[in-house]
Amino acid sequence: MRLNFDCVRDVLMCIEENTGLRKYCYFVDTGLSPAAQWLDNETTPAEYQQKLSKRYDNDTLIYHVHYCLDAGLAVKSDHSSSYQIFVSDLSPDGHEFLAKIRDESQWGSVKKGLSAIRNYSLSAISSVAEGVTSAAISSYFSKKP
């Protein structure tokens, strides 16, 4: 599956918003057969997942949740099963990456930069986002009297 960094960004923002010191969020793989889902206690997606499901189909969403975990952007809880993915928080790298792309207008600028260089890797996104931030900081200070 091709990575969709809008989905990665949305998943990270969802995790950040729905986790806390003692609060996990979870994602349900609704693409599994109903009989298999009966093996778990909770098979109904949470409201935040239902919101994301309006933008992304189940396979895309679950794939990108796994990507965030595998890329070290989020921390998987031991409570996870094959049907439920419990996430305890963003990792420090996840917090840092999300801080670079959180702002909608900055994210738009990052995506324009990525299309120009035609590199959509996680490290390229991070580098472009840092460049956009540096340019904004330079612009701010150059306008100061």
C-alpha atoms as a PDB file:
ATOM      1  CA  MET A   1       0.000   0.000   0.000  1.00  0.00           C
ATOM      2  CA  ARG A   2       1.254   3.463  -0.807  1.00  0.00           C
ATOM      3  CA  LEU A   3       1.804   5.712   2.208  1.00  0.00           C
ATOM      4  CA  ASN A   4      -0.626   8.572   2.618  1.00  0.00           C
ATOM      5  CA  PHE A   5       1.025  11.160   4.842  1.00  0.00           C
ATOM      6  CA  ASP A   6      -2.251  13.019   5.314  1.00  0.00           C
ATOM      7  CA  CYS A   7      -3.461   9.810   6.974  1.00  0.00           C
ATOM      8  CA  VAL A   8      -0.252   9.509   9.028  1.00  0.00           C
ATOM      9  CA  ARG A   9      -0.720  13.095  10.211  1.00  0.00           C
ATOM     10  CA  ASP A  10      -4.385  12.483  11.063  1.00  0.00           C
ATOM     11  CA  VAL A  11      -3.554   9.280  12.966  1.00  0.00           C
ATOM     12  CA  LEU A  12      -0.839  11.048  14.976  1.00  0.00           C
ATOM     13  CA  MET A  13      -3.158  13.936  15.812  1.00  0.00           C
ATOM     14  CA  CYS A  14      -5.868  11.462  16.838  1.00  0.00           C
ATOM     15  CA  ILE A  15      -3.483   9.554  19.096  1.00  0.00           C
ATOM     16  CA  GLU A  16      -2.213  12.752  20.701  1.00  0.00           C
ATOM     17  CA  GLU A  17      -5.747  13.978  21.358  1.00  0.00           C
ATOM     18  CA  ASN A  18      -7.091  10.692  22.714  1.00  0.00           C
ATOM     19  CA  THR A  19      -4.296   9.474  24.986  1.00  0.00           C
ATOM     20  CA  GLY A  20      -3.108  10.662  28.353  1.00  0.00           C
ATOM     21  CA  LEU A  21      -1.097   9.611  31.362  1.00  0.00           C
ATOM     22  CA  ARG A  22      -3.436   6.699  32.121  1.00  0.00           C
ATOM     23  CA  LYS A  23      -5.602   6.805  29.005  1.00  0.00           C
ATOM     24  CA  TYR A  24      -5.022   4.669  25.927  1.00  0.00           C
ATOM     25  CA  CYS A  25      -6.766   4.936  22.604  1.00  0.00           C
ATOM     26  CA  TYR A  26      -7.531   1.974  20.404  1.00  0.00           C
ATOM     27  CA  PHE A  27      -8.304   1.196  16.797  1.00  0.00           C
ATOM     28  CA  VAL A  28     -10.494  -1.718  15.734  1.00  0.00           C
ATOM     29  CA  ASP A  29      -9.769  -3.550  12.498  1.00  0.00           C
ATOM     30  CA  THR A  30     -13.335  -3.637  11.177  1.00  0.00           C
ATOM     31  CA  GLY A  31     -12.226  -5.500   8.065  1.00  0.00           C
ATOM     32  CA  LEU A  32     -11.987  -8.791   9.953  1.00  0.00           C
ATOM     33  CA  SER A  33     -14.827 -11.299   9.835  1.00  0.00           C
ATOM     34  CA  PRO A  34     -17.643 -10.787  12.388  1.00  0.00           C
ATOM     35  CA  ALA A  35     -17.102 -14.276  13.853  1.00  0.00           C
ATOM     36  CA  ALA A  36     -13.442 -13.470  14.563  1.00  0.00           C
ATOM     37  CA  GLN A  37     -14.371 -10.135  16.138  1.00  0.00           C
ATOM     38  CA  TRP A  38     -16.529 -11.933  18.719  1.00  0.00           C
ATOM     39  CA  LEU A  39     -13.342 -13.164  20.333  1.00  0.00           C
ATOM     40  CA  ASP A  40     -12.619  -9.672  21.653  1.00  0.00           C
ATOM     41  CA  ASN A  41     -14.567  -7.610  24.167  1.00  0.00           C
ATOM     42  CA  GLU A  42     -14.744  -4.347  22.241  1.00  0.00           C
ATOM     43  CA  THR A  43     -15.286  -4.450  18.487  1.00  0.00           C
ATOM     44  CA  THR A  44     -17.056  -1.152  18.023  1.00  0.00           C
ATOM     45  CA  PRO A  45     -14.703   1.588  16.848  1.00  0.00           C
ATOM     46  CA  ALA A  46     -14.420   4.595  19.118  1.00  0.00           C
ATOM     47  CA  GLU A  47     -15.884   7.907  17.961  1.00  0.00           C
ATOM     48  CA  TYR A  48     -12.459   9.215  16.935  1.00  0.00           C
ATOM     49  CA  GLN A  49     -11.925   6.184  14.684  1.00  0.00           C
ATOM     50  CA  GLN A  50     -15.390   6.617  13.193  1.00  0.00           C
ATOM     51  CA  LYS A  51     -14.422  10.213  12.333  1.00  0.00           C
ATOM     52  CA  LEU A  52     -11.240   9.050  10.617  1.00  0.00           C
ATOM     53  CA  SER A  53     -13.229   6.347   8.798  1.00  0.00           C
ATOM     54  CA  LYS A  54     -15.117   9.073   6.982  1.00  0.00           C
ATOM     55  CA  ARG A  55     -11.824  10.079   5.328  1.00  0.00           C
ATOM     56  CA  TYR A  56     -10.042   6.726   5.031  1.00  0.00           C
ATOM     57  CA  ASP A  57     -11.257   3.183   4.432  1.00  0.00           C
ATOM     58  CA  ASN A  58     -10.547   0.584   7.133  1.00  0.00           C
ATOM     59  CA  ASP A  59      -7.537  -1.010   5.419  1.00  0.00           C
ATOM     60  CA  THR A  60      -5.879   2.362   4.805  1.00  0.00           C
ATOM     61  CA  LEU A  61      -6.477   3.530   8.370  1.00  0.00           C
ATOM     62  CA  ILE A  62      -5.262   0.327  10.047  1.00  0.00           C
ATOM     63  CA  TYR A  63      -2.228   0.158   7.733  1.00  0.00           C
ATOM     64  CA  HIS A  64      -1.236   3.705   8.721  1.00  0.00           C
ATOM     65  CA  VAL A  65      -1.776   3.038  12.441  1.00  0.00           C
ATOM     66  CA  HIS A  66       0.645   0.112  12.091  1.00  0.00           C
ATOM     67  CA  TYR A  67       3.033   2.335  10.117  1.00  0.00           C
ATOM     68  CA  CYS A  68       3.067   4.924  12.926  1.00  0.00           C
ATOM     69  CA  LEU A  69       3.874   2.170  15.418  1.00  0.00           C
ATOM     70  CA  ASP A  70       6.520   0.510  13.247  1.00  0.00           C
ATOM     71  CA  ALA A  71       8.158   3.861  12.420  1.00  0.00           C
ATOM     72  CA  GLY A  72       8.512   4.591  16.131  1.00  0.00           C
ATOM     73  CA  LEU A  73       6.091   7.531  16.057  1.00  0.00           C
ATOM     74  CA  ALA A  74       3.640   5.952  18.513  1.00  0.00           C
ATOM     75  CA  VAL A  75       3.821   3.416  21.331  1.00  0.00           C
ATOM     76  CA  LYS A  76       1.775   0.211  21.166  1.00  0.00           C
ATOM     77  CA  SER A  77       0.243  -1.072  24.370  1.00  0.00           C
ATOM     78  CA  ASP A  78       0.551  -4.663  25.554  1.00  0.00           C
ATOM     79  CA  HIS A  79      -3.276  -4.814  25.608  1.00  0.00           C
ATOM     80  CA  SER A  80      -3.389  -5.052  21.807  1.00  0.00           C
ATOM     81  CA  SER A  81      -4.805  -8.064  20.029  1.00  0.00           C
ATOM     82  CA  SER A  82      -5.091  -8.987  16.378  1.00  0.00           C
ATOM     83  CA  TYR A  83      -8.385  -7.064  16.175  1.00  0.00           C
ATOM     84  CA  GLN A  84      -7.666  -4.132  18.445  1.00  0.00           C
ATOM     85  CA  ILE A  85      -4.608  -1.924  18.401  1.00  0.00           C
ATOM     86  CA  PHE A  86      -4.158  -0.136  21.719  1.00  0.00           C
ATOM     87  CA  VAL A  87      -1.857   2.878  21.651  1.00  0.00           C
ATOM     88  CA  SER A  88      -0.540   4.421  24.855  1.00  0.00           C
ATOM     89  CA  ASP A  89       0.918   7.642  23.429  1.00  0.00           C
ATOM     90  CA  LEU A  90       3.064   9.241  20.794  1.00  0.00           C
ATOM     91  CA  SER A  91       6.757   8.522  21.151  1.00  0.00           C
ATOM     92  CA  PRO A  92       9.162  11.446  21.625  1.00  0.00           C
ATOM     93  CA  ASP A  93       9.926  11.200  17.871  1.00  0.00           C
ATOM     94  CA  GLY A  94       6.198  11.212  17.154  1.00  0.00           C
ATOM     95  CA  HIS A  95       5.680  14.364  19.230  1.00  0.00           C
ATOM     96  CA  GLU A  96       8.580  16.060  17.458  1.00  0.00           C
ATOM     97  CA  PHE A  97       7.409  15.005  13.983  1.00  0.00           C
ATOM     98  CA  LEU A  98       3.828  16.096  14.668  1.00  0.00           C
ATOM     99  CA  ALA A  99       5.004  19.471  15.992  1.00  0.00           C
ATOM    100  CA  LYS A 100       6.636  20.090  12.597  1.00  0.00           C
ATOM    101  CA  ILE A 101       3.486  19.322  10.593  1.00  0.00           C
ATOM    102  CA  ARG A 102       0.606  20.173  12.955  1.00  0.00           C
ATOM    103  CA  ASP A 103      -0.262  23.602  11.579  1.00  0.00           C
ATOM    104  CA  GLU A 104      -2.535  23.264   8.533  1.00  0.00           C
ATOM    105  CA  SER A 105      -0.904  26.055   6.507  1.00  0.00           C
ATOM    106  CA  GLN A 106       2.579  24.771   7.315  1.00  0.00           C
ATOM    107  CA  TRP A 107       1.472  21.262   6.314  1.00  0.00           C
ATOM    108  CA  GLY A 108       0.277  22.702   2.982  1.00  0.00           C
ATOM    109  CA  SER A 109       3.690  24.295   2.442  1.00  0.00           C
ATOM    110  CA  VAL A 110       5.432  21.035   3.330  1.00  0.00           C
ATOM    111  CA  LYS A 111       3.303  19.103   0.829  1.00  0.00           C
ATOM    112  CA  LYS A 112       4.117  21.654  -1.906  1.00  0.00           C
ATOM    113  CA  GLY A 113       7.823  21.245  -1.154  1.00  0.00           C
ATOM    114  CA  LEU A 114       7.526  17.463  -1.248  1.00  0.00           C
ATOM    115  CA  SER A 115       5.866  17.543  -4.646  1.00  0.00           C
ATOM    116  CA  ALA A 116       8.653  19.740  -5.975  1.00  0.00           C
ATOM    117  CA  ILE A 117      11.378  17.369  -4.808  1.00  0.00           C
ATOM    118  CA  ARG A 118       9.302  14.206  -5.396  1.00  0.00           C
ATOM    119  CA  ASN A 119      10.505  12.547  -2.229  1.00  0.00           C
ATOM    120  CA  TYR A 120       7.814  11.492   0.228  1.00  0.00           C
ATOM    121  CA  SER A 121       9.860   9.681   2.842  1.00  0.00           C
ATOM    122  CA  LEU A 122       9.448  10.375   6.537  1.00  0.00           C
ATOM    123  CA  SER A 123      12.910  11.946   6.722  1.00  0.00           C
ATOM    124  CA  ALA A 124      12.203  14.139   3.667  1.00  0.00           C
ATOM    125  CA  ILE A 125       8.951  15.348   5.217  1.00  0.00           C
ATOM    126  CA  SER A 126      10.776  16.151   8.426  1.00  0.00           C
ATOM    127  CA  SER A 127      13.532  18.029   6.545  1.00  0.00           C
ATOM    128  CA  VAL A 128      11.076  20.020   4.438  1.00  0.00           C
ATOM    129  CA  ALA A 129       9.048  20.856   7.551  1.00  0.00           C
ATOM    130  CA  GLU A 130      12.204  22.091   9.297  1.00  0.00           C
ATOM    131  CA  GLY A 131      12.999  24.226   6.244  1.00  0.00           C
ATOM    132  CA  VAL A 132       9.504  25.731   6.250  1.00  0.00           C
ATOM    133  CA  THR A 133       9.827  26.483   9.963  1.00  0.00           C
ATOM    134  CA  SER A 134      13.289  28.032   9.510  1.00  0.00           C
ATOM    135  CA  ALA A 135      11.997  30.214   6.673  1.00  0.00           C
ATOM    136  CA  ALA A 136       9.061  31.371   8.815  1.00  0.00           C
ATOM    137  CA  ILE A 137      11.404  32.207  11.709  1.00  0.00           C
ATOM    138  CA  SER A 138      13.791  34.099   9.410  1.00  0.00           C
ATOM    139  CA  SER A 139      10.896  36.005   7.867  1.00  0.00           C
ATOM    140  CA  TYR A 140       9.559  36.931  11.294  1.00  0.00           C
ATOM    141  CA  PHE A 141      12.873  38.271  12.538  1.00  0.00           C
ATOM    142  CA  SER A 142      13.713  40.104   9.324  1.00  0.00           C
ATOM    143  CA  LYS A 143      10.508  42.147   9.690  1.00  0.00           C
ATOM    144  CA  LYS A 144      11.375  43.237  13.234  1.00  0.00           C
ATOM    145  CA  PRO A 145      12.773  46.790  13.452  1.00  0.00           C
END
